[in-house]
C-alpha atoms as a PDB file:
ATOM      1  CA  UNK A   1     -15.775  22.219  -2.647  1.00  0.00           C
ATOM      2  CA  UNK A   2     -12.072  21.714  -2.080  1.00  0.00           C
ATOM      3  CA  UNK A   3     -10.779  18.387  -0.804  1.00  0.00           C
ATOM      4  CA  UNK A   4      -9.947  17.762   2.831  1.00  0.00           C
ATOM      5  CA  UNK A   5      -6.647  15.927   3.375  1.00  0.00           C
ATOM      6  CA  UNK A   6      -6.180  14.189   6.717  1.00  0.00           C
ATOM      7  CA  UNK A   7      -2.772  12.957   7.722  1.00  0.00           C
ATOM      8  CA  UNK A   8      -1.146  11.650  10.881  1.00  0.00           C
ATOM      9  CA  UNK A   9       0.862   8.724  12.133  1.00  0.00           C
ATOM     10  CA  UNK A  10      -0.641   5.210  12.305  1.00  0.00           C
ATOM     11  CA  UNK A  11      -3.717   4.913  14.578  1.00  0.00           C
ATOM     12  CA  UNK A  12      -4.056   8.700  14.956  1.00  0.00           C
ATOM     13  CA  UNK A  13      -7.718   8.377  13.938  1.00  0.00           C
ATOM     14  CA  UNK A  14      -7.475   9.390  10.267  1.00  0.00           C
ATOM     15  CA  UNK A  15      -9.927   6.862   8.830  1.00  0.00           C
ATOM     16  CA  UNK A  16     -12.539   7.215  11.566  1.00  0.00           C
ATOM     17  CA  UNK A  17     -12.456  11.013  11.392  1.00  0.00           C
ATOM     18  CA  UNK A  18     -12.546  11.002   7.571  1.00  0.00           C
ATOM     19  CA  UNK A  19     -15.631   8.768   7.591  1.00  0.00           C
ATOM     20  CA  UNK A  20     -17.446  11.050  10.060  1.00  0.00           C
ATOM     21  CA  UNK A  21     -16.606  14.161   8.025  1.00  0.00           C
ATOM     22  CA  UNK A  22     -17.573  12.552   4.715  1.00  0.00           C
ATOM     23  CA  UNK A  23     -20.934  11.525   6.147  1.00  0.00           C
ATOM     24  CA  UNK A  24     -21.598  14.978   7.618  1.00  0.00           C
ATOM     25  CA  UNK A  25     -20.611  16.833   4.415  1.00  0.00           C
ATOM     26  CA  UNK A  26     -22.192  14.292   2.045  1.00  0.00           C
ATOM     27  CA  UNK A  27     -18.949  13.631   0.175  1.00  0.00           C
ATOM     28  CA  UNK A  28     -16.819  10.574  -0.553  1.00  0.00           C
ATOM     29  CA  UNK A  29     -13.728   9.402   1.243  1.00  0.00           C
ATOM     30  CA  UNK A  30     -10.616   7.696  -0.117  1.00  0.00           C
ATOM     31  CA  UNK A  31      -7.461   6.534   1.597  1.00  0.00           C
ATOM     32  CA  UNK A  32      -3.938   6.106   0.360  1.00  0.00           C
ATOM     33  CA  UNK A  33      -3.851   2.897   2.387  1.00  0.00           C
ATOM     34  CA  UNK A  34      -6.809   1.523   0.407  1.00  0.00           C
ATOM     35  CA  UNK A  35      -4.983   2.088  -2.865  1.00  0.00           C
ATOM     36  CA  UNK A  36      -1.819   0.516  -1.451  1.00  0.00           C
ATOM     37  CA  UNK A  37      -3.864  -2.503  -0.309  1.00  0.00           C
ATOM     38  CA  UNK A  38      -5.066  -2.960  -3.888  1.00  0.00           C
ATOM     39  CA  UNK A  39      -1.452  -2.881  -5.065  1.00  0.00           C
ATOM     40  CA  UNK A  40      -0.502  -5.365  -2.309  1.00  0.00           C
ATOM     41  CA  UNK A  41      -3.310  -7.677  -3.450  1.00  0.00           C
ATOM     42  CA  UNK A  42      -1.848  -7.624  -6.966  1.00  0.00           C
ATOM     43  CA  UNK A  43       1.484  -8.734  -5.415  1.00  0.00           C
ATOM     44  CA  UNK A  44      -0.106 -11.758  -3.730  1.00  0.00           C
ATOM     45  CA  UNK A  45      -0.664 -10.303  -0.265  1.00  0.00           C
ATOM     46  CA  UNK A  46      -4.001 -10.765   1.485  1.00  0.00           C
ATOM     47  CA  UNK A  47      -4.764  -7.323   2.932  1.00  0.00           C
ATOM     48  CA  UNK A  48      -7.805  -7.888   5.107  1.00  0.00           C
ATOM     49  CA  UNK A  49      -9.309  -5.317   7.450  1.00  0.00           C
ATOM     50  CA  UNK A  50      -8.234  -1.937   8.738  1.00  0.00           C
ATOM     51  CA  UNK A  51      -5.599  -3.481  11.044  1.00  0.00           C
ATOM     52  CA  UNK A  52      -3.822  -5.397   8.259  1.00  0.00           C
ATOM     53  CA  UNK A  53      -0.973  -2.882   8.196  1.00  0.00           C
ATOM     54  CA  UNK A  54      -0.129  -3.850  11.768  1.00  0.00           C
ATOM     55  CA  UNK A  55       0.245  -7.561  10.989  1.00  0.00           C
ATOM     56  CA  UNK A  56       3.464  -9.302  10.012  1.00  0.00           C
ATOM     57  CA  UNK A  57       2.191  -9.426   6.399  1.00  0.00           C
ATOM     58  CA  UNK A  58       1.427  -5.673   6.381  1.00  0.00           C
ATOM     59  CA  UNK A  59       4.822  -4.814   7.835  1.00  0.00           C
ATOM     60  CA  UNK A  60       6.450  -7.098   5.235  1.00  0.00           C
ATOM     61  CA  UNK A  61       4.717  -5.116   2.465  1.00  0.00           C
ATOM     62  CA  UNK A  62       5.826  -1.856   4.105  1.00  0.00           C
ATOM     63  CA  UNK A  63       9.416  -3.107   3.943  1.00  0.00           C
ATOM     64  CA  UNK A  64       8.923  -4.081   0.279  1.00  0.00           C
ATOM     65  CA  UNK A  65       7.672  -0.536  -0.352  1.00  0.00           C
ATOM     66  CA  UNK A  66      10.896   0.794   1.178  1.00  0.00           C
ATOM     67  CA  UNK A  67      12.784  -0.985  -1.593  1.00  0.00           C
ATOM     68  CA  UNK A  68      10.367  -0.009  -4.391  1.00  0.00           C
ATOM     69  CA  UNK A  69       8.901   3.512  -4.253  1.00  0.00           C
ATOM     70  CA  UNK A  70       6.671   2.843  -7.275  1.00  0.00           C
ATOM     71  CA  UNK A  71       3.883   1.557  -5.004  1.00  0.00           C
ATOM     72  CA  UNK A  72       3.639   4.808  -3.087  1.00  0.00           C
ATOM     73  CA  UNK A  73       4.112   7.004  -6.149  1.00  0.00           C
ATOM     74  CA  UNK A  74       1.224   5.261  -7.930  1.00  0.00           C
ATOM     75  CA  UNK A  75      -1.062   5.583  -4.899  1.00  0.00           C
ATOM     76  CA  UNK A  76      -0.129   9.258  -4.546  1.00  0.00           C
ATOM     77  CA  UNK A  77      -0.750   9.920  -8.261  1.00  0.00           C
ATOM     78  CA  UNK A  78      -4.307   8.574  -7.888  1.00  0.00           C
ATOM     79  CA  UNK A  79      -4.910  10.562  -4.677  1.00  0.00           C
ATOM     80  CA  UNK A  80      -3.652  13.836  -6.162  1.00  0.00           C
ATOM     81  CA  UNK A  81      -6.039  13.426  -9.082  1.00  0.00           C
ATOM     82  CA  UNK A  82      -8.956  12.964  -6.647  1.00  0.00           C
ATOM     83  CA  UNK A  83      -7.815  15.901  -4.499  1.00  0.00           C
ATOM     84  CA  UNK A  84      -7.706  18.150  -7.552  1.00  0.00           C
ATOM     85  CA  UNK A  85     -11.292  17.156  -8.416  1.00  0.00           C
ATOM     86  CA  UNK A  86     -12.461  18.156  -4.890  1.00  0.00           C
ATOM     87  CA  UNK A  87     -15.563  17.027  -2.974  1.00  0.00           C
ATOM     88  CA  UNK A  88     -13.659  14.302  -1.134  1.00  0.00           C
ATOM     89  CA  UNK A  89     -11.980  13.562   2.184  1.00  0.00           C
ATOM     90  CA  UNK A  90      -8.620  11.896   1.628  1.00  0.00           C
ATOM     91  CA  UNK A  91      -6.500  10.126   4.210  1.00  0.00           C
ATOM     92  CA  UNK A  92      -2.865  10.064   3.236  1.00  0.00           C
ATOM     93  CA  UNK A  93       0.547  10.096   4.788  1.00  0.00           C
ATOM     94  CA  UNK A  94       2.057  12.224   1.999  1.00  0.00           C
ATOM     95  CA  UNK A  95      -0.617  14.184   0.103  1.00  0.00           C
ATOM     96  CA  UNK A  96      -0.310  17.295   2.279  1.00  0.00           C
ATOM     97  CA  UNK A  97       3.297  17.703   1.202  1.00  0.00           C
ATOM     98  CA  UNK A  98       2.909  16.865  -2.484  1.00  0.00           C
ATOM     99  CA  UNK A  99      -0.457  18.467  -3.317  1.00  0.00           C
ATOM    100  CA  UNK A 100      -0.902  22.176  -3.926  1.00  0.00           C
ATOM    101  CA  UNK A 101      -4.631  21.824  -3.259  1.00  0.00           C
ATOM    102  CA  UNK A 102      -6.812  20.843  -0.337  1.00  0.00           C
ATOM    103  CA  UNK A 103      -7.496  21.773   3.270  1.00  0.00           C
ATOM    104  CA  UNK A 104      -4.690  19.952   5.093  1.00  0.00           C
ATOM    105  CA  UNK A 105      -5.113  18.532   8.595  1.00  0.00           C
ATOM    106  CA  UNK A 106      -2.565  16.741  10.788  1.00  0.00           C
ATOM    107  CA  UNK A 107      -3.871  14.524  13.600  1.00  0.00           C
ATOM    108  CA  UNK A 108      -1.361  14.318  16.433  1.00  0.00           C
ATOM    109  CA  UNK A 109      -1.381  11.551  18.999  1.00  0.00           C
ATOM    110  CA  UNK A 110       1.164  10.158  21.431  1.00  0.00           C
ATOM    111  CA  UNK A 111       2.645   6.698  20.916  1.00  0.00           C
ATOM    112  CA  UNK A 112       0.700   5.402  23.913  1.00  0.00           C
ATOM    113  CA  UNK A 113      -2.640   6.849  22.774  1.00  0.00           C
ATOM    114  CA  UNK A 114      -2.159   5.450  19.277  1.00  0.00           C
ATOM    115  CA  UNK A 115      -1.073   2.063  20.633  1.00  0.00           C
ATOM    116  CA  UNK A 116      -4.143   1.983  22.876  1.00  0.00           C
ATOM    117  CA  UNK A 117      -6.369   2.647  19.840  1.00  0.00           C
ATOM    118  CA  UNK A 118      -4.527  -0.020  17.886  1.00  0.00           C
ATOM    119  CA  UNK A 119      -4.875  -2.473  20.792  1.00  0.00           C
ATOM    120  CA  UNK A 120      -8.679  -2.080  20.757  1.00  0.00           C
ATOM    121  CA  UNK A 121      -8.977  -2.014  16.962  1.00  0.00           C
ATOM    122  CA  UNK A 122      -6.728  -5.009  16.287  1.00  0.00           C
ATOM    123  CA  UNK A 123      -7.419  -7.012  19.441  1.00  0.00           C
ATOM    124  CA  UNK A 124      -3.739  -6.985  20.433  1.00  0.00           C
ATOM    125  CA  UNK A 125      -2.055  -6.397  23.747  1.00  0.00           C
ATOM    126  CA  UNK A 126      -0.823  -2.896  24.528  1.00  0.00           C
ATOM    127  CA  UNK A 127       2.775  -4.154  24.476  1.00  0.00           C
ATOM    128  CA  UNK A 128       2.315  -5.652  20.985  1.00  0.00           C
ATOM    129  CA  UNK A 129       0.662  -2.467  19.764  1.00  0.00           C
ATOM    130  CA  UNK A 130       3.435  -0.255  21.191  1.00  0.00           C
ATOM    131  CA  UNK A 131       5.963  -2.370  19.317  1.00  0.00           C
ATOM    132  CA  UNK A 132       3.999  -2.059  16.055  1.00  0.00           C
ATOM    133  CA  UNK A 133       3.573   1.720  16.487  1.00  0.00           C
ATOM    134  CA  UNK A 134       7.321   2.149  16.908  1.00  0.00           C
ATOM    135  CA  UNK A 135       8.107  -0.032  13.863  1.00  0.00           C
ATOM    136  CA  UNK A 136       5.544   1.689  11.646  1.00  0.00           C
ATOM    137  CA  UNK A 137       6.552   5.185  12.763  1.00  0.00           C
ATOM    138  CA  UNK A 138      10.203   4.497  11.957  1.00  0.00           C
ATOM    139  CA  UNK A 139       9.500   2.667   8.693  1.00  0.00           C
ATOM    140  CA  UNK A 140       7.039   5.324   7.477  1.00  0.00           C
ATOM    141  CA  UNK A 141       9.514   8.092   8.290  1.00  0.00           C
ATOM    142  CA  UNK A 142      12.251   6.281   6.345  1.00  0.00           C
ATOM    143  CA  UNK A 143      10.024   5.456   3.340  1.00  0.00           C
ATOM    144  CA  UNK A 144       8.785   9.017   2.886  1.00  0.00           C
ATOM    145  CA  UNK A 145      12.194  10.543   3.564  1.00  0.00           C
ATOM    146  CA  UNK A 146      13.625   8.357   0.806  1.00  0.00           C
ATOM    147  CA  UNK A 147      10.823   8.914  -1.721  1.00  0.00           C
ATOM    148  CA  UNK A 148       9.930  12.589  -1.184  1.00  0.00           C
ATOM    149  CA  UNK A 149      12.459  13.917   1.362  1.00  0.00           C
ATOM    150  CA  UNK A 150       9.579  14.442   3.813  1.00  0.00           C
ATOM    151  CA  UNK A 151      10.228  14.587   7.548  1.00  0.00           C
ATOM    152  CA  UNK A 152       7.042  12.621   8.224  1.00  0.00           C
ATOM    153  CA  UNK A 153       5.628  13.355  11.660  1.00  0.00           C
ATOM    154  CA  UNK A 154       8.107  16.145  12.300  1.00  0.00           C
ATOM    155  CA  UNK A 155       7.482  18.749   9.583  1.00  0.00           C
ATOM    156  CA  UNK A 156       3.970  20.106   9.988  1.00  0.00           C
ATOM    157  CA  UNK A 157       4.441  23.250   7.886  1.00  0.00           C
ATOM    158  CA  UNK A 158       2.114  22.122   5.040  1.00  0.00           C
ATOM    159  CA  UNK A 159      -0.872  21.829   7.371  1.00  0.00           C
ATOM    160  CA  UNK A 160      -3.684  24.329   7.751  1.00  0.00           C
ATOM    161  CA  UNK A 161      -4.716  22.713  11.026  1.00  0.00           C
ATOM    162  CA  UNK A 162      -2.942  20.508  13.603  1.00  0.00           C
ATOM    163  CA  UNK A 163      -5.100  18.771  16.212  1.00  0.00           C
ATOM    164  CA  UNK A 164      -3.945  16.956  19.341  1.00  0.00           C
ATOM    165  CA  UNK A 165      -6.262  13.922  19.429  1.00  0.00           C
ATOM    166  CA  UNK A 166      -5.049  12.467  22.735  1.00  0.00           C
ATOM    167  CA  UNK A 167      -8.021  13.613  24.818  1.00  0.00           C
ATOM    168  CA  UNK A 168     -10.609  14.073  22.065  1.00  0.00           C
ATOM    169  CA  UNK A 169     -13.186  11.726  20.586  1.00  0.00           C
ATOM    170  CA  UNK A 170     -13.321  11.259  16.801  1.00  0.00           C
ATOM    171  CA  UNK A 171     -16.567  13.266  16.822  1.00  0.00           C
ATOM    172  CA  UNK A 172     -14.877  16.189  18.604  1.00  0.00           C
ATOM    173  CA  UNK A 173     -11.947  16.096  16.174  1.00  0.00           C
ATOM    174  CA  UNK A 174     -14.350  15.979  13.211  1.00  0.00           C
ATOM    175  CA  UNK A 175     -16.293  18.955  14.545  1.00  0.00           C
ATOM    176  CA  UNK A 176     -13.104  21.035  14.846  1.00  0.00           C
ATOM    177  CA  UNK A 177     -12.114  20.182  11.275  1.00  0.00           C
ATOM    178  CA  UNK A 178     -15.547  20.934   9.832  1.00  0.00           C
ATOM    179  CA  UNK A 179     -15.751  24.305  11.634  1.00  0.00           C
ATOM    180  CA  UNK A 180     -12.303  25.369  10.396  1.00  0.00           C
ATOM    181  CA  UNK A 181     -12.987  24.043   6.896  1.00  0.00           C
ATOM    182  CA  UNK A 182     -16.273  25.964   6.670  1.00  0.00           C
ATOM    183  CA  UNK A 183     -14.636  29.107   8.047  1.00  0.00           C
ATOM    184  CA  UNK A 184     -11.908  28.889   5.406  1.00  0.00           C
ATOM    185  CA  UNK A 185     -14.372  28.284   2.604  1.00  0.00           C
ATOM    186  CA  UNK A 186     -16.587  31.246   3.555  1.00  0.00           C
ATOM    187  CA  UNK A 187     -13.684  33.671   3.205  1.00  0.00           C
END
């Protein structure tokens, strides 16, 4: 079975949706963020929890990554290997652009919707979460533009499926992906 690649901006629902799909299809899941957290740990950071990227420490590591693309290139090398093996759901900001393989899905969500999710997930205020969303969106765009010349969040041409998640539950989004994935794999 080919891999499923899920991408989207921060707090679009990538991890939650990937976990639902992996459970339903009885396959594993892996995230580019998990690999980057391992690399951050090696650098002395203390990446703890899904919301770590939204902390001052996580944003500091993001800025370090802007200066040294080796972190992202190593994480992407590992992800591409897993994608090529198949039978996995991968969450990644970049894999859809750099992999020839996989069923590629973009999860779209407004800044406010994503900040609201982040607020609940990270126990922040909405104002704090809006600020973090804006910082991460800009920093991610700049990092991936510099490393791969990707217009992250703007260029959706690599994707087989784009889903607006603003008014959908993770279960509804997962169901759409699974239906389209199964349809594609029956052909």
